[in-house]
């Protein structure tokens, strides 16, 4: 696919807006029309393009009046087959934070990624070379 080149001054505000309406997300707009996207940012038009939706709501979580219950958190873990805390946090950060805040993480049966400094002891690691001193 050859790159289209437009003459200087081609990207007017109206053309930028019309071009952006072809896309659903800002990333899609940036990939498919990089010059128009750059001009939209330069002219601060990107803020006016409310039809370009982002996925920020997935990271942020539900509306303030919705709270995850323990049952909902467990169903999220089972649905996505999460094994570690990191898996759960990547799938739904808001649910992870709710579980952490409410103290449910130890009860969920997930593997802790970084169990802390005191996890590995001399007894748990029997093959420590003799020249290492604690």
Protein backbone atom coordinates (compact mmCIF):
# COMPACT_ATOMS: atom_id res chain seq x y z
CA UNK A 1 0.00 0.00 0.00
CA UNK A 2 1.57 3.27 -1.09
CA UNK A 3 1.56 6.24 1.23
CA UNK A 4 -0.65 9.08 0.09
CA UNK A 5 0.96 12.48 0.12
CA UNK A 6 -1.13 15.56 0.37
CA UNK A 7 -0.11 19.08 -0.57
CA UNK A 8 0.88 21.54 2.13
CA UNK A 9 -2.20 22.91 3.89
CA UNK A 10 -4.40 19.95 2.95
CA UNK A 11 -5.31 19.08 6.56
CA UNK A 12 -7.82 21.75 7.46
CA UNK A 13 -9.88 21.43 10.63
CA UNK A 14 -12.87 20.11 8.68
CA UNK A 15 -10.80 17.48 6.84
CA UNK A 16 -9.17 16.34 10.07
CA UNK A 17 -12.56 15.92 11.72
CA UNK A 18 -14.00 14.05 8.72
CA UNK A 19 -10.97 11.74 8.64
CA UNK A 20 -11.21 11.01 12.37
CA UNK A 21 -14.86 9.97 12.06
CA UNK A 22 -13.72 6.89 10.10
CA UNK A 23 -12.16 5.42 13.26
CA UNK A 24 -13.41 4.18 16.62
CA UNK A 25 -10.39 4.78 18.86
CA UNK A 26 -7.57 7.31 19.01
CA UNK A 27 -5.01 4.54 18.44
CA UNK A 28 -6.81 3.38 15.30
CA UNK A 29 -6.88 7.00 14.07
CA UNK A 30 -3.17 7.41 14.82
CA UNK A 31 -2.17 4.21 13.01
CA UNK A 32 -4.29 4.73 9.91
CA UNK A 33 -3.97 8.49 9.49
CA UNK A 34 -0.80 9.57 11.30
CA UNK A 35 -0.53 13.01 9.72
CA UNK A 36 -4.16 13.88 10.39
CA UNK A 37 -3.75 12.61 13.97
CA UNK A 38 -0.62 14.74 14.45
CA UNK A 39 -2.41 17.82 13.09
CA UNK A 40 -5.42 17.11 15.33
CA UNK A 41 -3.14 17.08 18.37
CA UNK A 42 -1.30 20.22 17.26
CA UNK A 43 -4.59 22.08 16.77
CA UNK A 44 -6.07 20.58 19.99
CA UNK A 45 -8.97 19.10 18.04
CA UNK A 46 -8.51 15.64 19.52
CA UNK A 47 -10.34 16.71 22.71
CA UNK A 48 -13.42 17.62 20.66
CA UNK A 49 -13.55 14.20 18.96
CA UNK A 50 -15.86 12.52 21.43
CA UNK A 51 -16.64 9.74 18.93
CA UNK A 52 -13.11 8.39 19.48
CA UNK A 53 -13.61 6.10 22.44
CA UNK A 54 -10.88 4.78 24.69
CA UNK A 55 -10.70 1.67 26.86
CA UNK A 56 -9.91 3.66 30.00
CA UNK A 57 -13.17 2.53 31.62
CA UNK A 58 -11.84 -1.05 31.67
CA UNK A 59 -8.81 -0.03 33.71
CA UNK A 60 -10.68 2.43 35.90
CA UNK A 61 -13.46 0.06 36.80
CA UNK A 62 -17.20 0.51 37.07
CA UNK A 63 -19.02 3.61 38.19
CA UNK A 64 -18.57 4.79 41.76
CA UNK A 65 -21.90 3.34 42.92
CA UNK A 66 -20.90 -0.21 41.87
CA UNK A 67 -18.72 -2.25 44.20
CA UNK A 68 -17.37 -5.71 43.58
CA UNK A 69 -18.64 -8.26 46.05
CA UNK A 70 -16.56 -11.28 47.01
CA UNK A 71 -18.78 -13.51 44.84
CA UNK A 72 -18.23 -11.30 41.80
CA UNK A 73 -14.47 -11.29 42.39
CA UNK A 74 -14.43 -15.10 42.62
CA UNK A 75 -16.45 -15.39 39.41
CA UNK A 76 -14.01 -13.06 37.59
CA UNK A 77 -11.10 -15.24 38.72
CA UNK A 78 -12.85 -18.45 37.65
CA UNK A 79 -14.05 -17.03 34.34
CA UNK A 80 -10.56 -15.93 33.31
CA UNK A 81 -8.77 -18.90 34.94
CA UNK A 82 -6.41 -16.69 36.94
CA UNK A 83 -3.60 -18.49 38.75
CA UNK A 84 -1.50 -15.70 40.22
CA UNK A 85 -2.19 -12.30 41.74
CA UNK A 86 -0.60 -10.72 38.65
CA UNK A 87 -2.99 -12.59 36.31
CA UNK A 88 -5.95 -11.31 38.30
CA UNK A 89 -4.58 -7.75 38.42
CA UNK A 90 -4.01 -7.75 34.62
CA UNK A 91 -7.54 -9.01 33.91
CA UNK A 92 -9.36 -6.56 36.16
CA UNK A 93 -7.33 -4.08 38.17
CA UNK A 94 -10.38 -2.59 39.86
CA UNK A 95 -11.60 -5.98 41.13
CA UNK A 96 -8.06 -6.78 42.32
CA UNK A 97 -7.89 -3.50 44.27
CA UNK A 98 -11.28 -4.17 45.86
CA UNK A 99 -10.16 -7.67 46.90
CA UNK A 100 -6.91 -6.29 48.31
CA UNK A 101 -8.70 -3.48 50.17
CA UNK A 102 -11.20 -5.90 51.73
CA UNK A 103 -8.57 -8.53 52.64
CA UNK A 104 -9.94 -11.23 50.34
CA UNK A 105 -6.72 -11.99 48.43
CA UNK A 106 -5.41 -14.71 50.79
CA UNK A 107 -8.80 -16.48 50.64
CA UNK A 108 -9.03 -16.55 46.83
CA UNK A 109 -6.51 -19.37 46.33
CA UNK A 110 -4.22 -17.41 44.03
CA UNK A 111 -0.44 -17.77 44.03
CA UNK A 112 1.34 -14.74 45.41
CA UNK A 113 3.90 -13.51 42.87
CA UNK A 114 6.38 -11.88 45.22
CA UNK A 115 5.78 -13.29 48.67
CA UNK A 116 8.18 -10.90 50.37
CA UNK A 117 11.67 -10.88 51.82
CA UNK A 118 11.15 -13.49 54.52
CA UNK A 119 9.68 -16.14 52.22
CA UNK A 120 12.96 -17.88 51.38
CA UNK A 121 14.71 -19.15 54.47
CA UNK A 122 17.65 -21.54 54.98
CA UNK A 123 15.19 -24.35 55.67
CA UNK A 124 13.24 -23.77 52.45
CA UNK A 125 16.38 -23.68 50.29
CA UNK A 126 18.50 -26.69 51.30
CA UNK A 127 21.11 -26.37 48.51
CA UNK A 128 22.76 -23.12 49.55
CA UNK A 129 26.50 -23.22 48.79
CA UNK A 130 28.70 -23.13 51.87
CA UNK A 131 30.51 -19.94 50.88
CA UNK A 132 27.32 -17.85 51.15
CA UNK A 133 26.87 -16.22 54.55
CA UNK A 134 23.62 -14.91 55.96
